[in-house]
Amino acid sequence: MDQRILLVDGKKGGYLYGEALKTLRTNLQFCGPQIRAVLLTSCFPDEGKSDIAFHLAVELGKAGKRTLLLDADIRKSVYLTRYMVSSEVSGLSQFLSGQIKSLEQIVYQTNYANMDIIFSGPTAPNPSELLGQKLFRDMMAVLKKQYDYILVDTPPMGNLIDAAIAGQSCDGALLVVESGKASYKAEQKIKAQLEKSGCHVLGAVLNKVDIQQNRYYSSYYRKYKEYDSYEEAAESGAQE
């Protein structure tokens, strides 16, 4: 039986954010049809990893790709509060711990086109052990047959190994990097950890760029603002 959930996204990213996500979606599609399950992680908390995962899933769905957003952050998930989920839901930790037997019981259809979600479930004392089970690998194999893309949101890798373990069941990884936060050495460390697990790093997403201070991005910002003004003037003229 289909389960439906309402997700409310109160964040307005603006024109540039939307265009950047479309570019990320296109680049991901150019990685080839063999890249189906994509892990997203970061070095530290609060680099914007979950925002990128959610909005990339939305964009893939808009493009007609059947997409699943899998919240594998069993330690500290943000989805229920961030997207104002008021209903009681079941999740990944309950399935992997055997409390729920059927995978269908934790998959929810959303109010976004072609996008389903699996929530993390209640916090568990042994997340890395749960993700390292054969059951998780078998689950991913089943889901790959059902979806064009699976985006796996995992905890930051600065001090945790969860992402590297989950990466064994994924086809590639995206590193979300907050501008000016993590050092090159730290990013290289988590890149090496992922590749050691057999998960190829597809690329990095530079997030939270201060376009007012960065000359390169500031020039593009001005260009797009001028483009927006031109479009608004053209629409206004057409209405008149």
Protein backbone atom coordinates (compact mmCIF):
# COMPACT_ATOMS: atom_id res chain seq x y z
CA MET A 1 0.00 0.00 0.00
CA ASP A 2 1.34 3.43 -0.94
CA GLN A 3 2.32 5.69 1.96
CA ARG A 4 2.25 9.44 1.43
CA ILE A 5 3.89 12.21 3.42
CA LEU A 6 3.77 15.99 3.14
CA LEU A 7 7.14 17.79 3.14
CA VAL A 8 7.12 21.56 3.64
CA ASP A 9 10.26 23.33 2.42
CA GLY A 10 10.41 26.77 4.00
CA LYS A 11 13.78 27.65 2.45
CA LYS A 12 13.92 29.97 -0.55
CA GLY A 13 17.22 29.49 -2.31
CA GLY A 14 16.83 32.13 -5.01
CA TYR A 15 17.68 32.14 -8.69
CA LEU A 16 21.41 31.39 -8.41
CA TYR A 17 20.85 28.52 -5.99
CA GLY A 18 18.28 27.00 -8.33
CA GLU A 19 20.56 27.29 -11.34
CA ALA A 20 23.46 25.74 -9.43
CA LEU A 21 21.28 22.77 -8.51
CA LYS A 22 20.21 22.31 -12.12
CA THR A 23 23.89 22.29 -13.10
CA LEU A 24 24.66 19.73 -10.39
CA ARG A 25 21.77 17.57 -11.61
CA THR A 26 23.05 17.73 -15.20
CA ASN A 27 26.61 16.91 -14.18
CA LEU A 28 25.37 13.93 -12.18
CA GLN A 29 23.43 12.62 -15.17
CA PHE A 30 26.57 12.93 -17.33
CA CYS A 31 28.34 10.52 -14.96
CA GLY A 32 26.58 7.73 -16.83
CA PRO A 33 23.74 5.24 -16.29
CA GLN A 34 25.89 3.07 -14.02
CA ILE A 35 25.80 5.78 -11.32
CA ARG A 36 22.49 5.12 -9.58
CA ALA A 37 23.16 5.27 -5.84
CA VAL A 38 24.97 8.47 -4.85
CA LEU A 39 26.21 9.13 -1.33
CA LEU A 40 26.39 12.69 0.00
CA THR A 41 28.61 13.56 2.93
CA SER A 42 30.75 16.37 4.32
CA CYS A 43 33.71 16.80 6.60
CA PHE A 44 31.94 18.70 9.39
CA PRO A 45 28.35 19.29 10.55
CA ASP A 46 26.31 22.21 9.18
CA GLU A 47 28.03 22.44 5.79
CA GLY A 48 24.63 22.18 4.06
CA LYS A 49 24.81 18.51 3.05
CA SER A 50 21.17 17.67 3.80
CA ASP A 51 19.89 20.77 2.01
CA ILE A 52 21.83 19.81 -1.10
CA ALA A 53 20.61 16.21 -0.92
CA PHE A 54 16.97 17.26 -0.60
CA HIS A 55 16.98 19.88 -3.33
CA LEU A 56 19.00 17.71 -5.72
CA ALA A 57 16.40 14.96 -5.24
CA VAL A 58 13.66 17.47 -6.05
CA GLU A 59 15.48 18.58 -9.21
CA LEU A 60 16.02 15.00 -10.39
CA GLY A 61 12.33 14.34 -9.86
CA LYS A 62 11.42 17.42 -11.90
CA ALA A 63 13.56 16.02 -14.71
CA GLY A 64 11.38 12.91 -14.77
CA LYS A 65 13.82 10.67 -12.89
CA ARG A 66 12.31 8.35 -10.31
CA THR A 67 14.28 9.39 -7.25
CA LEU A 68 14.62 8.15 -3.67
CA LEU A 69 16.09 10.29 -0.90
CA LEU A 70 17.49 7.92 1.73
CA ASP A 71 18.33 9.49 5.08
CA ALA A 72 21.11 7.30 6.47
CA ASP A 73 22.05 9.71 9.28
CA ILE A 74 20.76 7.50 12.07
CA ARG A 75 22.68 9.56 14.62
CA LYS A 76 21.23 13.04 14.09
CA SER A 77 18.68 13.43 11.33
CA VAL A 78 17.17 16.83 10.49
CA TYR A 79 14.46 15.91 8.02
CA LEU A 80 11.43 15.56 10.29
CA THR A 81 11.88 18.99 11.86
CA ARG A 82 13.29 20.82 8.84
CA TYR A 83 10.48 19.76 6.51
CA MET A 84 7.75 19.99 9.16
CA VAL A 85 6.67 16.35 9.14
CA SER A 86 3.82 16.10 11.63
CA SER A 87 2.84 12.48 10.95
CA GLU A 88 4.39 9.54 12.76
CA VAL A 89 6.75 7.74 10.39
CA SER A 90 8.88 4.60 10.40
CA GLY A 91 12.45 4.59 9.16
CA LEU A 92 15.73 2.96 8.25
CA SER A 93 16.94 2.12 11.76
CA GLN A 94 13.76 0.15 12.47
CA PHE A 95 14.12 -1.83 9.26
CA LEU A 96 17.82 -2.60 9.73
CA SER A 97 17.30 -3.62 13.37
CA GLY A 98 14.51 -6.03 12.43
CA GLN A 99 11.67 -4.12 14.09
CA ILE A 100 10.07 -3.70 10.66
CA LYS A 101 10.25 -6.59 8.23
CA SER A 102 9.00 -5.07 4.98
CA LEU A 103 10.93 -2.45 3.01
CA GLU A 104 7.64 -1.07 1.69
CA GLN A 105 6.72 0.03 5.21
CA ILE A 106 9.51 2.64 5.33
CA VAL A 107 9.21 4.10 1.80
CA TYR A 108 7.03 7.22 1.58
CA GLN A 109 5.76 9.03 -1.49
CA THR A 110 6.11 12.81 -1.18
CA ASN A 111 4.31 15.84 -2.56
CA TYR A 112 7.24 16.37 -4.98
CA ALA A 113 7.10 14.83 -8.45
CA ASN A 114 8.82 11.43 -8.80
CA MET A 115 10.44 11.74 -5.37
CA ASP A 116 10.13 9.23 -2.52
CA ILE A 117 11.86 9.30 0.85
CA ILE A 118 13.08 6.89 3.53
CA PHE A 119 13.53 8.60 6.89
CA SER A 120 16.35 7.64 9.25
CA GLY A 121 14.09 6.35 11.99
CA PRO A 122 14.79 6.62 15.73
CA THR A 123 18.36 7.23 16.86
CA ALA A 124 20.21 3.94 17.31
CA PRO A 125 23.23 3.21 19.55
CA ASN A 126 25.05 1.31 16.78
CA PRO A 127 24.57 3.13 13.43
CA SER A 128 27.79 1.91 11.80
CA GLU A 129 26.96 -1.71 12.64
CA LEU A 130 23.47 -1.36 11.16
CA LEU A 131 24.81 0.17 7.93
CA GLY A 132 27.47 -2.53 7.68
CA GLN A 133 24.96 -5.36 7.62
CA LYS A 134 24.27 -7.53 4.59
CA LEU A 135 20.64 -6.42 5.00
CA PHE A 136 21.61 -2.85 4.07
CA ARG A 137 23.50 -4.02 0.98
CA ASP A 138 20.58 -6.23 -0.06
CA MET A 139 18.18 -3.33 0.49
CA MET A 140 20.26 -1.07 -1.74
CA ALA A 141 20.34 -3.73 -4.47
CA VAL A 142 16.52 -3.92 -4.41
CA LEU A 143 16.12 -0.13 -4.47
CA LYS A 144 18.49 0.26 -7.43
CA LYS A 145 16.06 -1.81 -9.48
CA GLN A 146 13.17 0.47 -8.55
CA TYR A 147 14.70 3.95 -8.89
CA ASP A 148 16.74 5.91 -11.41
CA TYR A 149 18.61 7.64 -8.58
CA ILE A 150 19.05 7.02 -4.86
CA LEU A 151 20.60 9.89 -2.90
CA VAL A 152 22.03 8.64 0.39
CA ASP A 153 22.46 11.37 2.99
CA THR A 154 25.07 10.29 5.56
CA PRO A 155 26.68 11.82 8.68
CA PRO A 156 29.78 14.02 8.35
CA MET A 157 33.02 12.05 8.09
CA GLY A 158 35.25 14.20 10.26
CA ASN A 159 34.99 11.83 13.23
CA LEU A 160 32.55 9.16 12.04
CA ILE A 161 32.92 6.16 9.75
CA ASP A 162 29.21 5.71 8.82
CA ALA A 163 29.52 7.26 5.37
CA ALA A 164 32.45 5.05 4.36
CA ILE A 165 30.48 1.97 5.43
CA ALA A 166 27.35 3.06 3.54
CA GLY A 167 29.57 3.92 0.58
CA GLN A 168 30.31 0.23 0.03
CA SER A 169 26.75 -0.06 -1.31
CA CYS A 170 26.83 3.12 -3.42
CA ASP A 171 28.09 3.84 -6.94
CA GLY A 172 29.70 7.19 -6.16
CA ALA A 173 29.91 10.04 -3.68
CA LEU A 174 29.54 13.81 -3.62
CA LEU A 175 31.44 15.82 -1.01
CA VAL A 176 29.64 18.93 0.19
CA VAL A 177 32.19 21.55 1.23
CA GLU A 178 31.34 24.81 2.96
CA SER A 179 33.43 27.59 1.49
CA GLY A 180 36.29 28.50 3.82
CA LYS A 181 35.48 25.91 6.48
CA ALA A 182 37.38 22.66 5.89
CA SER A 183 41.07 22.44 5.09
CA TYR A 184 42.46 20.75 1.99
CA LYS A 185 44.08 18.13 4.22
CA ALA A 186 40.76 17.29 5.94
CA GLU A 187 38.94 16.93 2.62
CA GLN A 188 41.68 14.71 1.22
CA LYS A 189 41.41 12.50 4.30
CA ILE A 190 37.69 11.82 3.87
CA LYS A 191 38.16 11.39 0.11
CA ALA A 192 40.75 8.68 0.82
CA GLN A 193 38.45 7.00 3.35
CA LEU A 194 35.62 6.82 0.84
CA GLU A 195 37.82 5.47 -1.94
CA LYS A 196 39.26 2.86 0.44
CA SER A 197 35.70 1.61 0.95
CA GLY A 198 35.33 1.23 -2.83
CA CYS A 199 33.14 4.29 -3.32
CA HIS A 200 34.41 6.53 -6.11
CA VAL A 201 34.25 10.28 -5.38
CA LEU A 202 32.38 11.89 -8.25
CA GLY A 203 33.17 15.44 -7.22
CA ALA A 204 32.65 18.19 -4.67
CA VAL A 205 29.89 20.73 -4.16
CA LEU A 206 31.12 24.11 -2.92
CA ASN A 207 28.41 25.47 -0.65
CA LYS A 208 27.67 28.68 1.25
CA VAL A 209 29.86 30.86 -0.95
CA ASP A 210 29.85 34.53 0.10
CA ILE A 211 29.31 36.10 -3.31
CA GLN A 212 29.74 39.60 -1.90
CA GLN A 213 33.35 38.86 -0.91
CA ASN A 214 34.29 36.51 -3.75
CA ARG A 215 35.06 38.50 -6.92
CA TYR A 216 34.57 35.54 -9.25
CA TYR A 217 31.09 34.71 -7.99
CA SER A 218 30.21 38.37 -7.47
CA SER A 219 30.69 39.05 -11.20
CA TYR A 220 28.32 36.21 -12.05
CA TYR A 221 25.87 37.44 -9.44
CA ARG A 222 25.76 40.87 -11.11
CA LYS A 223 25.32 39.28 -14.51
CA TYR A 224 22.36 37.16 -13.39
CA LYS A 225 20.79 40.11 -11.55
CA GLU A 226 20.95 42.09 -14.77
CA TYR A 227 19.42 39.13 -16.61
CA ASP A 228 16.59 38.95 -14.06
CA SER A 229 15.91 42.68 -14.44
CA TYR A 230 15.79 42.33 -18.23
CA GLU A 231 13.38 39.39 -17.98
CA GLU A 232 11.11 41.27 -15.57
CA ALA A 233 11.06 44.31 -17.85
CA ALA A 234 10.26 42.13 -20.86
CA GLU A 235 7.40 40.42 -19.02
CA SER A 236 6.05 43.76 -17.86
CA GLY A 237 6.14 45.10 -21.40
CA ALA A 238 4.36 42.05 -22.72
CA GLN A 239 1.59 42.44 -20.14
CA GLU A 240 1.10 46.10 -21.06
